[in-house]
Amino acid sequence: MLLFFIVGIGLYLLPGFDVMRYAWSEPLPLWIRITAMFVHVPCFVLLIWIMRENTYLSQVVKIDKDRVHKVISTGPYAYVRHPMYTVTIILLFAVPLALGSRLTLILSLFLTMLLIVRTYLEDHTLHTELEGYSKYAKQTVYRLIPGIW
């Protein structure tokens, strides 16, 4: 996640150089920028909902044995197994679009790939270490995108 954090800083720095300072890429149209800004609000509402549903959220993949870690299958977790990552991926693309930088979308793609790898690894850990997760995974078959994966 350190790599994700370091590259993620670029989502905010690179548009300043790209759009405002050096014009490395053609700025995005205003309507795309405004639409991307409006995407942020429902994403933050979803993040709050996700955090309320799952009090076990952590920056590292681990089973919280101190608090009797259990499977969460309500709220957004009824639709996908990793809704926090789903919303994060949406925001990874909304930020550079809102800031008008085409070039920064490359970072978004890279960070999305990192999250997909993390999703796979986290799913493996939860299957092996969290009681009831395999049953939940059979009921909630999609990891990130309902109907797709």
C-alpha atoms as a PDB file:
ATOM      1  CA  MET A   1       0.000   0.000   0.000  1.00  0.00           C
ATOM      2  CA  LEU A   2       3.018   2.292   0.329  1.00  0.00           C
ATOM      3  CA  LEU A   3       3.430   2.191  -3.452  1.00  0.00           C
ATOM      4  CA  PHE A   4      -0.279   2.965  -3.824  1.00  0.00           C
ATOM      5  CA  PHE A   5       0.090   5.956  -1.483  1.00  0.00           C
ATOM      6  CA  ILE A   6       3.190   7.333  -3.219  1.00  0.00           C
ATOM      7  CA  VAL A   7       1.767   6.988  -6.733  1.00  0.00           C
ATOM      8  CA  GLY A   8      -1.608   8.253  -5.462  1.00  0.00           C
ATOM      9  CA  ILE A   9      -0.016  11.574  -4.526  1.00  0.00           C
ATOM     10  CA  GLY A  10       0.669  11.970  -8.229  1.00  0.00           C
ATOM     11  CA  LEU A  11      -3.086  12.054  -8.887  1.00  0.00           C
ATOM     12  CA  TYR A  12      -3.074  15.492  -7.288  1.00  0.00           C
ATOM     13  CA  LEU A  13       0.389  16.767  -8.280  1.00  0.00           C
ATOM     14  CA  LEU A  14       0.587  15.725 -11.923  1.00  0.00           C
ATOM     15  CA  PRO A  15      -2.546  17.631 -13.064  1.00  0.00           C
ATOM     16  CA  GLY A  16      -1.024  20.863 -11.782  1.00  0.00           C
ATOM     17  CA  PHE A  17       2.009  20.381 -13.988  1.00  0.00           C
ATOM     18  CA  ASP A  18       0.064  18.878 -16.882  1.00  0.00           C
ATOM     19  CA  VAL A  19      -2.886  21.263 -17.129  1.00  0.00           C
ATOM     20  CA  MET A  20      -1.746  24.443 -15.409  1.00  0.00           C
ATOM     21  CA  ARG A  21       2.017  24.684 -15.871  1.00  0.00           C
ATOM     22  CA  TYR A  22       3.365  22.805 -18.888  1.00  0.00           C
ATOM     23  CA  ALA A  23       0.257  21.720 -20.852  1.00  0.00           C
ATOM     24  CA  TRP A  24       1.658  18.270 -21.580  1.00  0.00           C
ATOM     25  CA  SER A  25      -1.758  17.035 -22.677  1.00  0.00           C
ATOM     26  CA  GLU A  26      -4.855  18.695 -24.075  1.00  0.00           C
ATOM     27  CA  PRO A  27      -7.113  19.787 -21.167  1.00  0.00           C
ATOM     28  CA  LEU A  28     -10.384  17.928 -20.869  1.00  0.00           C
ATOM     29  CA  PRO A  29     -13.624  19.718 -21.792  1.00  0.00           C
ATOM     30  CA  LEU A  30     -15.326  21.633 -19.000  1.00  0.00           C
ATOM     31  CA  TRP A  31     -18.437  19.419 -19.047  1.00  0.00           C
ATOM     32  CA  ILE A  32     -16.302  16.336 -18.299  1.00  0.00           C
ATOM     33  CA  ARG A  33     -14.565  18.150 -15.450  1.00  0.00           C
ATOM     34  CA  ILE A  34     -17.853  19.281 -13.912  1.00  0.00           C
ATOM     35  CA  THR A  35     -19.421  15.828 -14.277  1.00  0.00           C
ATOM     36  CA  ALA A  36     -16.396  14.257 -12.575  1.00  0.00           C
ATOM     37  CA  MET A  37     -16.730  16.709  -9.684  1.00  0.00           C
ATOM     38  CA  PHE A  38     -20.334  15.641  -9.185  1.00  0.00           C
ATOM     39  CA  VAL A  39     -19.243  11.986  -9.057  1.00  0.00           C
ATOM     40  CA  HIS A  40     -17.332  12.720  -5.844  1.00  0.00           C
ATOM     41  CA  VAL A  41     -20.417  13.421  -3.710  1.00  0.00           C
ATOM     42  CA  PRO A  42     -22.145  10.031  -4.105  1.00  0.00           C
ATOM     43  CA  CYS A  43     -18.768   8.318  -3.758  1.00  0.00           C
ATOM     44  CA  PHE A  44     -18.156   9.955  -0.394  1.00  0.00           C
ATOM     45  CA  VAL A  45     -21.685   9.046   0.731  1.00  0.00           C
ATOM     46  CA  LEU A  46     -20.973   5.437  -0.258  1.00  0.00           C
ATOM     47  CA  LEU A  47     -17.655   5.511   1.612  1.00  0.00           C
ATOM     48  CA  ILE A  48     -19.409   6.639   4.781  1.00  0.00           C
ATOM     49  CA  TRP A  49     -21.966   3.840   4.375  1.00  0.00           C
ATOM     50  CA  ILE A  50     -19.193   1.284   3.807  1.00  0.00           C
ATOM     51  CA  MET A  51     -17.287   2.447   6.899  1.00  0.00           C
ATOM     52  CA  ARG A  52     -20.433   2.268   9.015  1.00  0.00           C
ATOM     53  CA  GLU A  53     -21.159  -1.278   7.843  1.00  0.00           C
ATOM     54  CA  ASN A  54     -17.633  -2.619   8.246  1.00  0.00           C
ATOM     55  CA  THR A  55     -15.858  -1.555  11.413  1.00  0.00           C
ATOM     56  CA  TYR A  56     -13.016  -3.973  10.606  1.00  0.00           C
ATOM     57  CA  LEU A  57     -11.638  -1.847   7.754  1.00  0.00           C
ATOM     58  CA  SER A  58      -7.872  -1.596   7.931  1.00  0.00           C
ATOM     59  CA  GLN A  59      -4.962  -0.397   5.809  1.00  0.00           C
ATOM     60  CA  VAL A  60      -3.431  -3.851   6.039  1.00  0.00           C
ATOM     61  CA  VAL A  61      -5.009  -7.200   5.274  1.00  0.00           C
ATOM     62  CA  LYS A  62      -5.411  -8.909   8.634  1.00  0.00           C
ATOM     63  CA  ILE A  63      -8.012 -10.671  10.707  1.00  0.00           C
ATOM     64  CA  ASP A  64      -8.804  -8.693  13.860  1.00  0.00           C
ATOM     65  CA  LYS A  65      -8.711 -11.418  16.516  1.00  0.00           C
ATOM     66  CA  ASP A  66      -8.996  -8.895  19.365  1.00  0.00           C
ATOM     67  CA  ARG A  67     -12.552  -7.953  18.340  1.00  0.00           C
ATOM     68  CA  VAL A  68     -13.795 -11.330  17.062  1.00  0.00           C
ATOM     69  CA  HIS A  69     -13.624 -10.460  13.370  1.00  0.00           C
ATOM     70  CA  LYS A  70     -16.716 -11.589  11.461  1.00  0.00           C
ATOM     71  CA  VAL A  71     -17.982 -11.494   7.888  1.00  0.00           C
ATOM     72  CA  ILE A  72     -19.969  -8.396   6.917  1.00  0.00           C
ATOM     73  CA  SER A  73     -22.701  -9.205   4.402  1.00  0.00           C
ATOM     74  CA  THR A  74     -25.064  -6.253   4.764  1.00  0.00           C
ATOM     75  CA  GLY A  75     -25.311  -2.890   3.037  1.00  0.00           C
ATOM     76  CA  PRO A  76     -22.977  -2.563   0.056  1.00  0.00           C
ATOM     77  CA  TYR A  77     -21.344  -5.867   1.059  1.00  0.00           C
ATOM     78  CA  ALA A  78     -24.517  -7.623  -0.099  1.00  0.00           C
ATOM     79  CA  TYR A  79     -23.664  -6.621  -3.696  1.00  0.00           C
ATOM     80  CA  VAL A  80     -19.863  -6.899  -3.889  1.00  0.00           C
ATOM     81  CA  ARG A  81     -17.261  -8.284  -1.512  1.00  0.00           C
ATOM     82  CA  HIS A  82     -14.954  -5.247  -1.688  1.00  0.00           C
ATOM     83  CA  PRO A  83     -17.139  -2.142  -2.084  1.00  0.00           C
ATOM     84  CA  MET A  84     -14.467   0.167  -0.638  1.00  0.00           C
ATOM     85  CA  TYR A  85     -12.177  -0.735  -3.535  1.00  0.00           C
ATOM     86  CA  THR A  86     -15.014  -0.259  -6.018  1.00  0.00           C
ATOM     87  CA  VAL A  87     -15.596   3.302  -4.824  1.00  0.00           C
ATOM     88  CA  THR A  88     -11.857   3.964  -4.652  1.00  0.00           C
ATOM     89  CA  ILE A  89     -11.450   2.926  -8.300  1.00  0.00           C
ATOM     90  CA  ILE A  90     -14.260   5.281  -9.318  1.00  0.00           C
ATOM     91  CA  LEU A  91     -12.519   8.099  -7.444  1.00  0.00           C
ATOM     92  CA  LEU A  92      -9.161   7.193  -9.009  1.00  0.00           C
ATOM     93  CA  PHE A  93     -10.647   8.178 -12.356  1.00  0.00           C
ATOM     94  CA  ALA A  94     -12.874  11.008 -11.108  1.00  0.00           C
ATOM     95  CA  VAL A  95      -9.947  12.970  -9.631  1.00  0.00           C
ATOM     96  CA  PRO A  96      -7.889  13.388 -12.837  1.00  0.00           C
ATOM     97  CA  LEU A  97     -11.057  13.962 -14.855  1.00  0.00           C
ATOM     98  CA  ALA A  98     -12.177  16.698 -12.445  1.00  0.00           C
ATOM     99  CA  LEU A  99      -8.721  18.267 -12.576  1.00  0.00           C
ATOM    100  CA  GLY A 100      -8.728  18.082 -16.372  1.00  0.00           C
ATOM    101  CA  SER A 101      -5.638  15.938 -16.898  1.00  0.00           C
ATOM    102  CA  ARG A 102      -5.623  13.222 -19.546  1.00  0.00           C
ATOM    103  CA  LEU A 103      -2.049  12.272 -18.652  1.00  0.00           C
ATOM    104  CA  THR A 104      -2.951  11.503 -15.039  1.00  0.00           C
ATOM    105  CA  LEU A 105      -5.357   8.802 -16.223  1.00  0.00           C
ATOM    106  CA  ILE A 106      -2.250   6.637 -16.733  1.00  0.00           C
ATOM    107  CA  LEU A 107      -1.658   6.783 -12.974  1.00  0.00           C
ATOM    108  CA  SER A 108      -5.321   5.898 -12.438  1.00  0.00           C
ATOM    109  CA  LEU A 109      -4.915   2.765 -14.547  1.00  0.00           C
ATOM    110  CA  PHE A 110      -1.773   1.745 -12.657  1.00  0.00           C
ATOM    111  CA  LEU A 111      -3.408   2.310  -9.264  1.00  0.00           C
ATOM    112  CA  THR A 112      -6.474   0.367 -10.396  1.00  0.00           C
ATOM    113  CA  MET A 113      -4.249  -2.573 -11.306  1.00  0.00           C
ATOM    114  CA  LEU A 114      -2.669  -2.410  -7.838  1.00  0.00           C
ATOM    115  CA  LEU A 115      -6.123  -2.469  -6.232  1.00  0.00           C
ATOM    116  CA  ILE A 116      -7.191  -5.440  -8.342  1.00  0.00           C
ATOM    117  CA  VAL A 117      -4.094  -7.356  -7.202  1.00  0.00           C
ATOM    118  CA  ARG A 118      -4.793  -6.352  -3.600  1.00  0.00           C
ATOM    119  CA  THR A 119      -8.412  -7.486  -3.976  1.00  0.00           C
ATOM    120  CA  TYR A 120      -7.260 -10.890  -5.180  1.00  0.00           C
ATOM    121  CA  LEU A 121      -4.718 -11.251  -2.346  1.00  0.00           C
ATOM    122  CA  GLU A 122      -7.159 -10.021   0.288  1.00  0.00           C
ATOM    123  CA  ASP A 123      -9.832 -12.402  -0.954  1.00  0.00           C
ATOM    124  CA  HIS A 124      -7.361 -15.284  -0.654  1.00  0.00           C
ATOM    125  CA  THR A 125      -6.464 -14.277   2.918  1.00  0.00           C
ATOM    126  CA  LEU A 126     -10.099 -13.932   3.948  1.00  0.00           C
ATOM    127  CA  HIS A 127     -10.981 -17.322   2.414  1.00  0.00           C
ATOM    128  CA  THR A 128      -8.237 -19.030   4.413  1.00  0.00           C
ATOM    129  CA  GLU A 129      -8.351 -17.101   7.702  1.00  0.00           C
ATOM    130  CA  LEU A 130     -11.873 -15.744   8.250  1.00  0.00           C
ATOM    131  CA  GLU A 131     -14.536 -18.218   9.274  1.00  0.00           C
ATOM    132  CA  GLY A 132     -17.653 -17.954   7.126  1.00  0.00           C
ATOM    133  CA  TYR A 133     -16.008 -15.991   4.327  1.00  0.00           C
ATOM    134  CA  SER A 134     -16.087 -18.858   1.827  1.00  0.00           C
ATOM    135  CA  LYS A 135     -19.849 -19.215   2.344  1.00  0.00           C
ATOM    136  CA  TYR A 136     -20.273 -15.449   1.950  1.00  0.00           C
ATOM    137  CA  ALA A 137     -18.165 -15.528  -1.242  1.00  0.00           C
ATOM    138  CA  LYS A 138     -20.510 -18.143  -2.718  1.00  0.00           C
ATOM    139  CA  GLN A 139     -23.517 -15.915  -1.945  1.00  0.00           C
ATOM    140  CA  THR A 140     -21.865 -12.658  -3.030  1.00  0.00           C
ATOM    141  CA  VAL A 141     -20.026 -13.842  -6.102  1.00  0.00           C
ATOM    142  CA  TYR A 142     -18.722 -10.496  -7.366  1.00  0.00           C
ATOM    143  CA  ARG A 143     -15.605  -8.930  -5.909  1.00  0.00           C
ATOM    144  CA  LEU A 144     -15.732  -5.394  -7.325  1.00  0.00           C
ATOM    145  CA  ILE A 145     -18.313  -4.893 -10.058  1.00  0.00           C
ATOM    146  CA  PRO A 146     -21.805  -6.403  -9.782  1.00  0.00           C
ATOM    147  CA  GLY A 147     -22.499  -8.691 -12.718  1.00  0.00           C
ATOM    148  CA  ILE A 148     -18.896  -8.604 -13.974  1.00  0.00           C
ATOM    149  CA  TRP A 149     -16.183  -9.506 -11.412  1.00  0.00           C
END
